[in-house]
Amino acid sequence: MKTTLEIPDRTFRKAKATASALGIPLRAFVTQAVEEKLSQGSRGRGKPWLECAGELAHLHEETTRIQKIIDEEFEQIEPEDRT
């Protein structure tokens, strides 16, 4: 299928240069780029921060432990505060 796309000049030049360096036509390079993007599916759609946030999942237990200590400390009433 043929179509017309508006691509910023800088992006077009980079894409054309990259395709040339790979030894493939620009048409093939753009097709590969679109297919790669489509294969990613809905992963992280609209939430780019989610990809890196998932890397912190291993800290959940430590965060919970620290929060428990903080909560316990704040539950204690200092002697000078008792009336």
PDB file of N, CA and C in Angstrom:
ATOM      1  N   MET A   1       0.849  -1.168   0.000  1.00  0.00           N
ATOM      2  CA  MET A   1       0.000   0.000   0.000  1.00  0.00           C
ATOM      3  C   MET A   1       0.893   1.229   0.000  1.00  0.00           C
ATOM      4  N   LYS A   2       0.512   2.204  -0.743  1.00  0.00           N
ATOM      5  CA  LYS A   2       1.253   3.462  -0.781  1.00  0.00           C
ATOM      6  C   LYS A   2       0.535   4.476   0.091  1.00  0.00           C
ATOM      7  N   THR A   3       1.334   5.312   0.762  1.00  0.00           N
ATOM      8  CA  THR A   3       0.765   6.358   1.594  1.00  0.00           C
ATOM      9  C   THR A   3       1.744   7.525   1.639  1.00  0.00           C
ATOM     10  N   THR A   4       1.262   8.642   2.105  1.00  0.00           N
ATOM     11  CA  THR A   4       2.110   9.820   2.265  1.00  0.00           C
ATOM     12  C   THR A   4       2.179  10.147   3.745  1.00  0.00           C
ATOM     13  N   LEU A   5       3.404  10.365   4.218  1.00  0.00           N
ATOM     14  CA  LEU A   5       3.624  10.711   5.619  1.00  0.00           C
ATOM     15  C   LEU A   5       4.360  12.029   5.711  1.00  0.00           C
ATOM     16  N   GLU A   6       4.040  12.793   6.721  1.00  0.00           N
ATOM     17  CA  GLU A   6       4.805  13.996   7.004  1.00  0.00           C
ATOM     18  C   GLU A   6       5.747  13.666   8.149  1.00  0.00           C
ATOM     19  N   ILE A   7       7.032  13.751   7.867  1.00  0.00           N
ATOM     20  CA  ILE A   7       8.061  13.429   8.859  1.00  0.00           C
ATOM     21  C   ILE A   7       8.942  14.663   9.002  1.00  0.00           C
ATOM     22  N   PRO A   8       9.264  15.047  10.228  1.00  0.00           N
ATOM     23  CA  PRO A   8      10.160  16.191  10.400  1.00  0.00           C
ATOM     24  C   PRO A   8      11.475  15.973   9.634  1.00  0.00           C
ATOM     25  N   ASP A   9      12.005  17.051   9.068  1.00  0.00           N
ATOM     26  CA  ASP A   9      13.218  16.950   8.253  1.00  0.00           C
ATOM     27  C   ASP A   9      14.352  16.222   8.966  1.00  0.00           C
ATOM     28  N   ARG A  10      14.579  16.567  10.202  1.00  0.00           N
ATOM     29  CA  ARG A  10      15.692  15.963  10.951  1.00  0.00           C
ATOM     30  C   ARG A  10      15.492  14.451  11.089  1.00  0.00           C
ATOM     31  N   THR A  11      14.258  14.037  11.403  1.00  0.00           N
ATOM     32  CA  THR A  11      13.949  12.611  11.543  1.00  0.00           C
ATOM     33  C   THR A  11      14.110  11.899  10.210  1.00  0.00           C
ATOM     34  N   PHE A  12      13.652  12.544   9.142  1.00  0.00           N
ATOM     35  CA  PHE A  12      13.770  11.953   7.810  1.00  0.00           C
ATOM     36  C   PHE A  12      15.239  11.742   7.437  1.00  0.00           C
ATOM     37  N   ARG A  13      16.063  12.756   7.679  1.00  0.00           N
ATOM     38  CA  ARG A  13      17.491  12.639   7.331  1.00  0.00           C
ATOM     39  C   ARG A  13      18.159  11.525   8.136  1.00  0.00           C
ATOM     40  N   LYS A  14      17.825  11.440   9.427  1.00  0.00           N
ATOM     41  CA  LYS A  14      18.413  10.383  10.259  1.00  0.00           C
ATOM     42  C   LYS A  14      17.957   9.002   9.796  1.00  0.00           C
ATOM     43  N   ALA A  15      16.681   8.872   9.471  1.00  0.00           N
ATOM     44  CA  ALA A  15      16.150   7.589   9.006  1.00  0.00           C
ATOM     45  C   ALA A  15      16.793   7.189   7.687  1.00  0.00           C
ATOM     46  N   LYS A  16      16.908   8.139   6.767  1.00  0.00           N
ATOM     47  CA  LYS A  16      17.496   7.858   5.457  1.00  0.00           C
ATOM     48  C   LYS A  16      18.966   7.460   5.597  1.00  0.00           C
ATOM     49  N   ALA A  17      19.696   8.177   6.459  1.00  0.00           N
ATOM     50  CA  ALA A  17      21.113   7.870   6.674  1.00  0.00           C
ATOM     51  C   ALA A  17      21.278   6.494   7.328  1.00  0.00           C
ATOM     52  N   THR A  18      20.412   6.176   8.289  1.00  0.00           N
ATOM     53  CA  THR A  18      20.491   4.883   8.965  1.00  0.00           C
ATOM     54  C   THR A  18      20.173   3.754   7.995  1.00  0.00           C
ATOM     55  N   ALA A  19      19.130   3.938   7.189  1.00  0.00           N
ATOM     56  CA  ALA A  19      18.764   2.925   6.194  1.00  0.00           C
ATOM     57  C   ALA A  19      19.917   2.707   5.224  1.00  0.00           C
ATOM     58  N   SER A  20      20.529   3.790   4.795  1.00  0.00           N
ATOM     59  CA  SER A  20      21.661   3.701   3.869  1.00  0.00           C
ATOM     60  C   SER A  20      22.823   2.945   4.507  1.00  0.00           C
ATOM     61  N   ALA A  21      23.100   3.256   5.782  1.00  0.00           N
ATOM     62  CA  ALA A  21      24.191   2.576   6.487  1.00  0.00           C
ATOM     63  C   ALA A  21      23.910   1.080   6.631  1.00  0.00           C
ATOM     64  N   LEU A  22      22.641   0.718   6.749  1.00  0.00           N
ATOM     65  CA  LEU A  22      22.257  -0.692   6.855  1.00  0.00           C
ATOM     66  C   LEU A  22      22.171  -1.361   5.486  1.00  0.00           C
ATOM     67  N   GLY A  23      22.223  -0.558   4.445  1.00  0.00           N
ATOM     68  CA  GLY A  23      22.159  -1.097   3.087  1.00  0.00           C
ATOM     69  C   GLY A  23      20.773  -1.534   2.672  1.00  0.00           C
ATOM     70  N   ILE A  24      19.752  -0.876   3.232  1.00  0.00           N
ATOM     71  CA  ILE A  24      18.376  -1.210   2.879  1.00  0.00           C
ATOM     72  C   ILE A  24      17.659   0.062   2.436  1.00  0.00           C
ATOM     73  N   PRO A  25      16.606  -0.089   1.624  1.00  0.00           N
ATOM     74  CA  PRO A  25      15.847   1.086   1.212  1.00  0.00           C
ATOM     75  C   PRO A  25      15.129   1.719   2.408  1.00  0.00           C
ATOM     76  N   LEU A  26      14.885   3.011   2.299  1.00  0.00           N
ATOM     77  CA  LEU A  26      14.171   3.720   3.348  1.00  0.00           C
ATOM     78  C   LEU A  26      12.819   3.065   3.613  1.00  0.00           C
ATOM     79  N   ARG A  27      12.141   2.620   2.563  1.00  0.00           N
ATOM     80  CA  ARG A  27      10.844   1.950   2.681  1.00  0.00           C
ATOM     81  C   ARG A  27      10.954   0.739   3.606  1.00  0.00           C
ATOM     82  N   ALA A  28      11.988  -0.068   3.461  1.00  0.00           N
ATOM     83  CA  ALA A  28      12.179  -1.252   4.306  1.00  0.00           C
ATOM     84  C   ALA A  28      12.496  -0.842   5.747  1.00  0.00           C
ATOM     85  N   PHE A  29      13.306   0.198   5.903  1.00  0.00           N
ATOM     86  CA  PHE A  29      13.657   0.669   7.244  1.00  0.00           C
ATOM     87  C   PHE A  29      12.424   1.149   7.998  1.00  0.00           C
ATOM     88  N   VAL A  30      11.585   1.931   7.331  1.00  0.00           N
ATOM     89  CA  VAL A  30      10.364   2.454   7.966  1.00  0.00           C
ATOM     90  C   VAL A  30       9.411   1.301   8.295  1.00  0.00           C
ATOM     91  N   THR A  31       9.286   0.350   7.391  1.00  0.00           N
ATOM     92  CA  THR A  31       8.427  -0.809   7.638  1.00  0.00           C
ATOM     93  C   THR A  31       8.904  -1.575   8.864  1.00  0.00           C
ATOM     94  N   GLN A  32      10.206  -1.814   8.959  1.00  0.00           N
ATOM     95  CA  GLN A  32      10.757  -2.518  10.119  1.00  0.00           C
ATOM     96  C   GLN A  32      10.499  -1.743  11.413  1.00  0.00           C
ATOM     97  N   ALA A  33      10.672  -0.427  11.356  1.00  0.00           N
ATOM     98  CA  ALA A  33      10.472   0.405  12.553  1.00  0.00           C
ATOM     99  C   ALA A  33       9.014   0.348  13.010  1.00  0.00           C
ATOM    100  N   VAL A  34       8.091   0.414  12.073  1.00  0.00           N
ATOM    101  CA  VAL A  34       6.665   0.362  12.422  1.00  0.00           C
ATOM    102  C   VAL A  34       6.308  -1.020  12.967  1.00  0.00           C
ATOM    103  N   GLU A  35       6.810  -2.072  12.335  1.00  0.00           N
ATOM    104  CA  GLU A  35       6.530  -3.427  12.809  1.00  0.00           C
ATOM    105  C   GLU A  35       7.088  -3.647  14.214  1.00  0.00           C
ATOM    106  N   GLU A  36       8.286  -3.121  14.477  1.00  0.00           N
ATOM    107  CA  GLU A  36       8.883  -3.244  15.808  1.00  0.00           C
ATOM    108  C   GLU A  36       8.023  -2.533  16.851  1.00  0.00           C
ATOM    109  N   LYS A  37       7.576  -1.340  16.527  1.00  0.00           N
ATOM    110  CA  LYS A  37       6.734  -0.580  17.450  1.00  0.00           C
ATOM    111  C   LYS A  37       5.414  -1.308  17.702  1.00  0.00           C
ATOM    112  N   LEU A  38       4.823  -1.862  16.662  1.00  0.00           N
ATOM    113  CA  LEU A  38       3.558  -2.585  16.805  1.00  0.00           C
ATOM    114  C   LEU A  38       3.723  -3.871  17.610  1.00  0.00           C
ATOM    115  N   SER A  39       4.863  -4.518  17.501  1.00  0.00           N
ATOM    116  CA  SER A  39       5.086  -5.765  18.218  1.00  0.00           C
ATOM    117  C   SER A  39       5.211  -5.544  19.722  1.00  0.00           C
ATOM    118  N   GLN A  40       5.497  -4.313  20.125  1.00  0.00           N
ATOM    119  CA  GLN A  40       5.592  -4.004  21.547  1.00  0.00           C
ATOM    120  C   GLN A  40       4.220  -4.014  22.200  1.00  0.00           C
ATOM    121  N   GLY A  41       3.176  -3.930  21.422  1.00  0.00           N
ATOM    122  CA  GLY A  41       1.813  -3.990  21.949  1.00  0.00           C
ATOM    123  C   GLY A  41       1.517  -2.834  22.873  1.00  0.00           C
ATOM    124  N   SER A  42       0.741  -3.125  23.910  1.00  0.00           N
ATOM    125  CA  SER A  42       0.311  -2.071  24.826  1.00  0.00           C
ATOM    126  C   SER A  42       1.272  -1.893  25.987  1.00  0.00           C
ATOM    127  N   ARG A  43       2.385  -2.596  25.973  1.00  0.00           N
ATOM    128  CA  ARG A  43       3.347  -2.504  27.071  1.00  0.00           C
ATOM    129  C   ARG A  43       3.787  -1.060  27.268  1.00  0.00           C
ATOM    130  N   GLY A  44       3.461  -0.522  28.438  1.00  0.00           N
ATOM    131  CA  GLY A  44       3.900   0.822  28.771  1.00  0.00           C
ATOM    132  C   GLY A  44       3.184   1.934  28.040  1.00  0.00           C
ATOM    133  N   ARG A  45       2.112   1.610  27.346  1.00  0.00           N
ATOM    134  CA  ARG A  45       1.409   2.621  26.561  1.00  0.00           C
ATOM    135  C   ARG A  45       0.899   3.738  27.467  1.00  0.00           C
ATOM    136  N   GLY A  46       1.340   4.952  27.212  1.00  0.00           N
ATOM    137  CA  GLY A  46       0.884   6.099  27.964  1.00  0.00           C
ATOM    138  C   GLY A  46       1.564   6.260  29.314  1.00  0.00           C
ATOM    139  N   LYS A  47       2.403   5.311  29.701  1.00  0.00           N
ATOM    140  CA  LYS A  47       3.080   5.382  30.994  1.00  0.00           C
ATOM    141  C   LYS A  47       4.555   5.004  30.819  1.00  0.00           C
ATOM    142  N   PRO A  48       5.345   5.860  30.207  1.00  0.00           N
ATOM    143  CA  PRO A  48       6.748   5.491  29.961  1.00  0.00           C
ATOM    144  C   PRO A  48       7.529   5.258  31.244  1.00  0.00           C
ATOM    145  N   TRP A  49       7.106   5.861  32.340  1.00  0.00           N
ATOM    146  CA  TRP A  49       7.795   5.680  33.611  1.00  0.00           C
ATOM    147  C   TRP A  49       7.607   4.276  34.157  1.00  0.00           C
ATOM    148  N   LEU A  50       6.574   3.574  33.683  1.00  0.00           N
ATOM    149  CA  LEU A  50       6.260   2.256  34.213  1.00  0.00           C
ATOM    150  C   LEU A  50       7.357   1.237  33.928  1.00  0.00           C
ATOM    151  N   GLU A  51       8.045   1.382  32.801  1.00  0.00           N
ATOM    152  CA  GLU A  51       9.106   0.436  32.470  1.00  0.00           C
ATOM    153  C   GLU A  51      10.195   0.431  33.529  1.00  0.00           C
ATOM    154  N   CYS A  52      10.644   1.605  33.947  1.00  0.00           N
ATOM    155  CA  CYS A  52      11.717   1.641  34.946  1.00  0.00           C
ATOM    156  C   CYS A  52      11.179   1.374  36.347  1.00  0.00           C
ATOM    157  N   ALA A  53       9.924   1.693  36.616  1.00  0.00           N
ATOM    158  CA  ALA A  53       9.359   1.462  37.942  1.00  0.00           C
ATOM    159  C   ALA A  53       9.293  -0.024  38.245  1.00  0.00           C
ATOM    160  N   GLY A  54       9.067  -0.834  37.256  1.00  0.00           N
ATOM    161  CA  GLY A  54       9.020  -2.274  37.451  1.00  0.00           C
ATOM    162  C   GLY A  54      10.344  -2.834  37.929  1.00  0.00           C
ATOM    163  N   GLU A  55      11.426  -2.149  37.632  1.00  0.00           N
ATOM    164  CA  GLU A  55      12.746  -2.603  38.056  1.00  0.00           C
ATOM    165  C   GLU A  55      12.944  -2.442  39.561  1.00  0.00           C
ATOM    166  N   LEU A  56      12.055  -1.724  40.232  1.00  0.00           N
ATOM    167  CA  LEU A  56      12.185  -1.482  41.664  1.00  0.00           C
ATOM    168  C   LEU A  56      11.328  -2.432  42.499  1.00  0.00           C
ATOM    169  N   ALA A  57      10.665  -3.360  41.855  1.00  0.00           N
ATOM    170  CA  ALA A  57       9.761  -4.263  42.559  1.00  0.00           C
ATOM    171  C   ALA A  57      10.466  -5.044  43.663  1.00  0.00           C
ATOM    172  N   HIS A  58      11.732  -5.333  43.462  1.00  0.00           N
ATOM    173  CA  HIS A  58      12.468  -6.101  44.465  1.00  0.00           C
ATOM    174  C   HIS A  58      12.650  -5.327  45.777  1.00  0.00           C
ATOM    175  N   LEU A  59      12.393  -4.029  45.775  1.00  0.00           N
ATOM    176  CA  LEU A  59      12.537  -3.213  46.974  1.00  0.00           C
ATOM    177  C   LEU A  59      11.251  -3.121  47.801  1.00  0.00           C
ATOM    178  N   HIS A  60      10.194  -3.755  47.332  1.00  0.00           N
ATOM    179  CA  HIS A  60       8.902  -3.646  48.020  1.00  0.00           C
ATOM    180  C   HIS A  60       8.984  -4.119  49.477  1.00  0.00           C
ATOM    181  N   GLU A  61       9.612  -5.269  49.704  1.00  0.00           N
ATOM    182  CA  GLU A  61       9.706  -5.787  51.073  1.00  0.00           C
ATOM    183  C   GLU A  61      10.507  -4.843  51.969  1.00  0.00           C
ATOM    184  N   GLU A  62      11.588  -4.295  51.447  1.00  0.00           N
ATOM    185  CA  GLU A  62      12.414  -3.370  52.227  1.00  0.00           C
ATOM    186  C   GLU A  62      11.640  -2.092  52.542  1.00  0.00           C
ATOM    187  N   THR A  63      10.898  -1.598  51.583  1.00  0.00           N
ATOM    188  CA  THR A  63      10.088  -0.400  51.799  1.00  0.00           C
ATOM    189  C   THR A  63       9.033  -0.654  52.867  1.00  0.00           C
ATOM    190  N   THR A  64       8.403  -1.806  52.812  1.00  0.00           N
ATOM    191  CA  THR A  64       7.398  -2.171  53.810  1.00  0.00           C
ATOM    192  C   THR A  64       8.025  -2.260  55.200  1.00  0.00           C
ATOM    193  N   ARG A  65       9.213  -2.864  55.304  1.00  0.00           N
ATOM    194  CA  ARG A  65       9.908  -2.994  56.590  1.00  0.00           C
ATOM    195  C   ARG A  65      10.229  -1.615  57.176  1.00  0.00           C
ATOM    196  N   ILE A  66      10.727  -0.719  56.342  1.00  0.00           N
ATOM    197  CA  ILE A  66      11.082   0.629  56.801  1.00  0.00           C
ATOM    198  C   ILE A  66       9.835   1.392  57.236  1.00  0.00           C
ATOM    199  N   GLN A  67       8.754   1.275  56.475  1.00  0.00           N
ATOM    200  CA  GLN A  67       7.509   1.966  56.832  1.00  0.00           C
ATOM    201  C   GLN A  67       6.975   1.465  58.162  1.00  0.00           C
ATOM    202  N   LYS A  68       7.105   0.170  58.436  1.00  0.00           N
ATOM    203  CA  LYS A  68       6.654  -0.387  59.710  1.00  0.00           C
ATOM    204  C   LYS A  68       7.437   0.225  60.868  1.00  0.00           C
ATOM    205  N   ILE A  69       8.749   0.367  60.713  1.00  0.00           N
ATOM    206  CA  ILE A  69       9.585   0.972  61.755  1.00  0.00           C
ATOM    207  C   ILE A  69       9.164   2.418  61.999  1.00  0.00           C
ATOM    208  N   ILE A  70       8.931   3.151  60.920  1.00  0.00           N
ATOM    209  CA  ILE A  70       8.504   4.552  61.039  1.00  0.00           C
ATOM    210  C   ILE A  70       7.169   4.636  61.765  1.00  0.00           C
ATOM    211  N   ASP A  71       6.219   3.784  61.378  1.00  0.00           N
ATOM    212  CA  ASP A  71       4.901   3.798  62.025  1.00  0.00           C
ATOM    213  C   ASP A  71       5.016   3.480  63.513  1.00  0.00           C
ATOM    214  N   GLU A  72       5.827   2.495  63.872  1.00  0.00           N
ATOM    215  CA  GLU A  72       6.004   2.138  65.279  1.00  0.00           C
ATOM    216  C   GLU A  72       6.601   3.288  66.079  1.00  0.00           C
ATOM    217  N   GLU A  73       7.555   3.992  65.498  1.00  0.00           N
ATOM    218  CA  GLU A  73       8.192   5.111  66.192  1.00  0.00           C
ATOM    219  C   GLU A  73       7.212   6.260  66.412  1.00  0.00           C
ATOM    220  N   PHE A  74       6.372   6.518  65.424  1.00  0.00           N
ATOM    221  CA  PHE A  74       5.414   7.614  65.550  1.00  0.00           C
ATOM    222  C   PHE A  74       4.256   7.277  66.474  1.00  0.00           C
ATOM    223  N   GLU A  75       4.059   6.010  66.776  1.00  0.00           N
ATOM    224  CA  GLU A  75       3.002   5.611  67.710  1.00  0.00           C
ATOM    225  C   GLU A  75       3.412   5.851  69.159  1.00  0.00           C
ATOM    226  N   GLN A  76       4.703   5.939  69.396  1.00  0.00           N
ATOM    227  CA  GLN A  76       5.196   6.141  70.758  1.00  0.00           C
ATOM    228  C   GLN A  76       5.031   7.598  71.167  1.00  0.00           C
ATOM    229  N   ILE A  77       4.592   7.787  72.408  1.00  0.00           N
ATOM    230  CA  ILE A  77       4.420   9.139  72.934  1.00  0.00           C
ATOM    231  C   ILE A  77       5.606   9.442  73.841  1.00  0.00           C
ATOM    232  N   GLU A  78       6.267  10.534  73.555  1.00  0.00           N
ATOM    233  CA  GLU A  78       7.421  10.943  74.376  1.00  0.00           C
ATOM    234  C   GLU A  78       6.930  11.351  75.760  1.00  0.00           C
ATOM    235  N   PRO A  79       7.723  11.065  76.810  1.00  0.00           N
ATOM    236  CA  PRO A  79       7.297  11.405  78.176  1.00  0.00           C
ATOM    237  C   PRO A  79       6.939  12.876  78.342  1.00  0.00           C
ATOM    238  N   GLU A  80       7.691  13.763  77.690  1.00  0.00           N
ATOM    239  CA  GLU A  80       7.403  15.191  77.843  1.00  0.00           C
ATOM    240  C   GLU A  80       6.094  15.619  77.176  1.00  0.00           C
ATOM    241  N   ASP A  81       5.598  14.758  76.279  1.00  0.00           N
ATOM    242  CA  ASP A  81       4.357  15.081  75.595  1.00  0.00           C
ATOM    243  C   ASP A  81       3.111  14.562  76.332  1.00  0.00           C
ATOM    244  N   ARG A  82       3.315  13.776  77.384  1.00  0.00           N
ATOM    245  CA  ARG A  82       2.183  13.229  78.134  1.00  0.00           C
ATOM    246  C   ARG A  82       1.659  14.308  79.096  1.00  0.00           C
ATOM    247  N   THR A  83       0.379  14.442  79.169  1.00  0.00           N
ATOM    248  CA  THR A  83      -0.195  15.437  80.095  1.00  0.00           C
ATOM    249  C   THR A  83      -1.214  14.824  80.998  1.00  0.00           C
TER     250      THR A  83
END
